[in-house]
Every structure is written in C-alpha cells, then in structure tokens.
Amino acid sequence: MKVPLAAAAVMVLLLSGCGSERSGHVSGGQNAVVGGSSGYSAYQTRNVALSCLNSTGVNGRPVGKAVIALESGAYIEFAADRGSSSALQVRGKAEGAELIGPALFFIGAANEDVISRVERCL
C-alpha cells in the first residue's frame, strides 16, 4: 500500500506532538511574588523592600499601599509587576525614575550612598 507524501507528512506532524507535556512558567528574582500570584498586592513587595532598607540604615516610611518615602525627596513606587512599571515609564508618568523590577525609584536629591543601598534592596 502506497501512502501519498502529503498524508505521510501530516501523520508525522500529528504524531510529533504526542507525549509532550507543557509545564507552567517559573518566575523568580525581582518579579517573584511573595506568597504566590494569587491575591498579589504591590504592598507585599513594598514591605519586603522597606525591611531591607531599614536594615541597611536607609530611613524609609510607608505611604499608602505602594510607596516608600525616603529622605531628601526620594521615593519608591511599586507597581504590580515589571511590565506595569515599565508601562508607566513609557507613558511618561515616571519621568526621571529608575526602573528596577516592579519598582520605580524617584531619586530626588538622594546621595550616591543612599542610591546604591536602595538599588541593592530592590
């Protein structure tokens, strides 16, 4: 029995997908969500960063649910993820801010020492 070439090619394509298994995307690092992505809020990341900042001697205080106010007019605003913070910057709503993961760091008049400590915590 002869199998036409086109039919054989279709059969190979259909069988090549058998047995393959997709796995969920694993994320980590700066975009990792504390406690998983279910019910995520920007303040979760803010609280982790605030603890880090205070442990390095940078005085920060929470403002609302997504901002850390620092000395000398500097502040950090947290978005839901890296894409959201990047979108704010692209739309011109974060001019002069340094984009670090889901955070937008508005440097203000902070000195180099404070800037490097903030960058390490974000």
Protein backbone atom coordinates (compact mmCIF):
# COMPACT_ATOMS: atom_id res chain seq x y z
CA MET A 1 0.00 0.00 0.00
CA LYS A 2 1.35 3.36 -1.07
CA VAL A 3 0.85 6.37 1.19
CA PRO A 4 0.91 9.72 -0.56
CA LEU A 5 3.74 12.00 0.55
CA ALA A 6 1.36 14.71 1.81
CA ALA A 7 -0.52 12.22 4.01
CA ALA A 8 2.77 10.94 5.46
CA ALA A 9 3.88 14.47 6.28
CA VAL A 10 0.59 15.20 8.03
CA MET A 11 0.89 11.97 10.03
CA VAL A 12 4.43 12.87 11.15
CA LEU A 13 3.29 16.31 12.28
CA LEU A 14 0.37 14.89 14.23
CA LEU A 15 2.47 12.25 15.97
CA SER A 16 5.31 14.63 16.82
CA GLY A 17 3.13 16.36 19.41
CA CYS A 18 2.17 13.16 21.21
CA GLY A 19 3.65 12.65 24.64
CA SER A 20 4.85 16.20 25.03
CA GLU A 21 3.94 17.93 28.24
CA ARG A 22 3.81 21.64 28.94
CA SER A 23 4.99 22.95 32.25
CA GLY A 24 3.97 26.21 33.85
CA HIS A 25 6.28 29.20 33.61
CA VAL A 26 8.50 29.54 36.66
CA SER A 27 9.42 33.05 37.70
CA GLY A 28 11.73 34.39 40.37
CA GLY A 29 14.11 37.18 41.27
CA GLN A 30 12.81 40.72 41.32
CA ASN A 31 9.44 39.75 39.89
CA ALA A 32 8.79 36.96 42.37
CA VAL A 33 5.55 37.49 44.22
CA VAL A 34 5.59 36.90 47.95
CA GLY A 35 3.15 34.10 48.74
CA GLY A 36 2.35 33.31 45.09
CA SER A 37 0.48 35.31 42.49
CA SER A 38 -2.98 34.66 43.93
CA GLY A 39 -4.23 37.85 45.54
CA TYR A 40 -0.99 39.73 44.87
CA SER A 41 -0.76 43.33 46.04
CA ALA A 42 2.07 45.78 45.46
CA TYR A 43 2.39 46.39 49.20
CA GLN A 44 3.77 42.84 49.67
CA THR A 45 6.88 43.73 47.68
CA ARG A 46 6.95 47.16 49.30
CA ASN A 47 7.09 45.67 52.80
CA VAL A 48 9.99 43.36 51.89
CA ALA A 49 11.93 46.29 50.39
CA LEU A 50 11.13 48.51 53.39
CA SER A 51 12.55 45.93 55.80
CA CYS A 52 15.70 45.67 53.70
CA LEU A 53 16.12 49.46 53.52
CA ASN A 54 15.68 49.93 57.25
CA SER A 55 18.21 47.15 57.96
CA THR A 56 20.81 48.96 55.82
CA GLY A 57 20.28 52.28 57.61
CA VAL A 58 18.13 53.98 54.97
CA ASN A 59 15.16 55.58 56.70
CA GLY A 60 12.00 54.84 54.79
CA ARG A 61 8.37 55.08 55.73
CA PRO A 62 5.36 53.55 54.00
CA VAL A 63 2.91 55.86 52.26
CA GLY A 64 -0.33 54.25 51.18
CA LYS A 65 -0.03 50.68 49.97
CA ALA A 66 2.56 51.01 47.21
CA VAL A 67 5.05 53.79 48.09
CA ILE A 68 8.10 54.15 50.32
CA ALA A 69 9.08 57.74 51.11
CA LEU A 70 12.80 58.31 51.70
CA GLU A 71 14.82 61.27 52.92
CA SER A 72 15.65 64.16 50.60
CA GLY A 73 12.52 63.85 48.47
CA ALA A 74 13.36 60.42 47.08
CA TYR A 75 10.63 57.79 46.95
CA ILE A 76 9.92 54.33 45.54
CA GLU A 77 6.62 53.44 43.92
CA PHE A 78 5.71 49.79 43.36
CA ALA A 79 3.58 48.50 40.52
CA ALA A 80 2.08 45.02 40.22
CA ASP A 81 4.97 43.73 38.11
CA ARG A 82 7.87 44.76 35.87
CA GLY A 83 5.55 45.22 32.88
CA SER A 84 3.25 47.59 34.73
CA SER A 85 6.11 49.76 35.99
CA SER A 86 7.66 49.79 32.54
CA ALA A 87 4.32 50.85 31.04
CA LEU A 88 4.14 53.81 33.43
CA GLN A 89 7.59 54.89 32.34
CA VAL A 90 6.80 54.51 28.64
CA ARG A 91 3.62 56.60 29.03
CA GLY A 92 5.65 59.41 30.58
CA LYS A 93 4.20 59.01 34.06
CA ALA A 94 7.57 58.18 35.62
CA GLU A 95 9.98 60.67 34.10
CA GLY A 96 13.32 60.67 35.85
CA ALA A 97 12.61 57.41 37.67
CA GLU A 98 14.97 54.47 37.67
CA LEU A 99 13.13 51.28 36.75
CA ILE A 100 14.16 48.35 38.99
CA GLY A 101 11.88 45.35 38.56
CA PRO A 102 8.36 46.29 39.63
CA ALA A 103 9.67 49.44 41.36
CA LEU A 104 10.11 52.98 40.12
CA PHE A 105 12.82 54.74 42.12
CA PHE A 106 12.47 58.52 42.02
CA ILE A 107 15.92 59.60 43.19
CA GLY A 108 15.22 63.21 44.17
CA ALA A 109 18.25 64.67 45.97
CA ALA A 110 19.46 61.34 47.42
CA ASN A 111 23.23 60.91 47.62
CA GLU A 112 25.19 58.07 45.99
CA ASP A 113 25.34 56.04 49.23
CA VAL A 114 21.54 56.02 49.61
CA ILE A 115 21.06 55.29 45.90
CA SER A 116 23.33 52.23 46.00
CA ARG A 117 21.63 50.89 49.16
CA VAL A 118 18.20 51.30 47.59
CA GLU A 119 19.35 49.57 44.40
CA ARG A 120 20.67 46.60 46.42
CA CYS A 121 17.34 46.21 48.23
CA LEU A 122 15.27 46.37 45.05
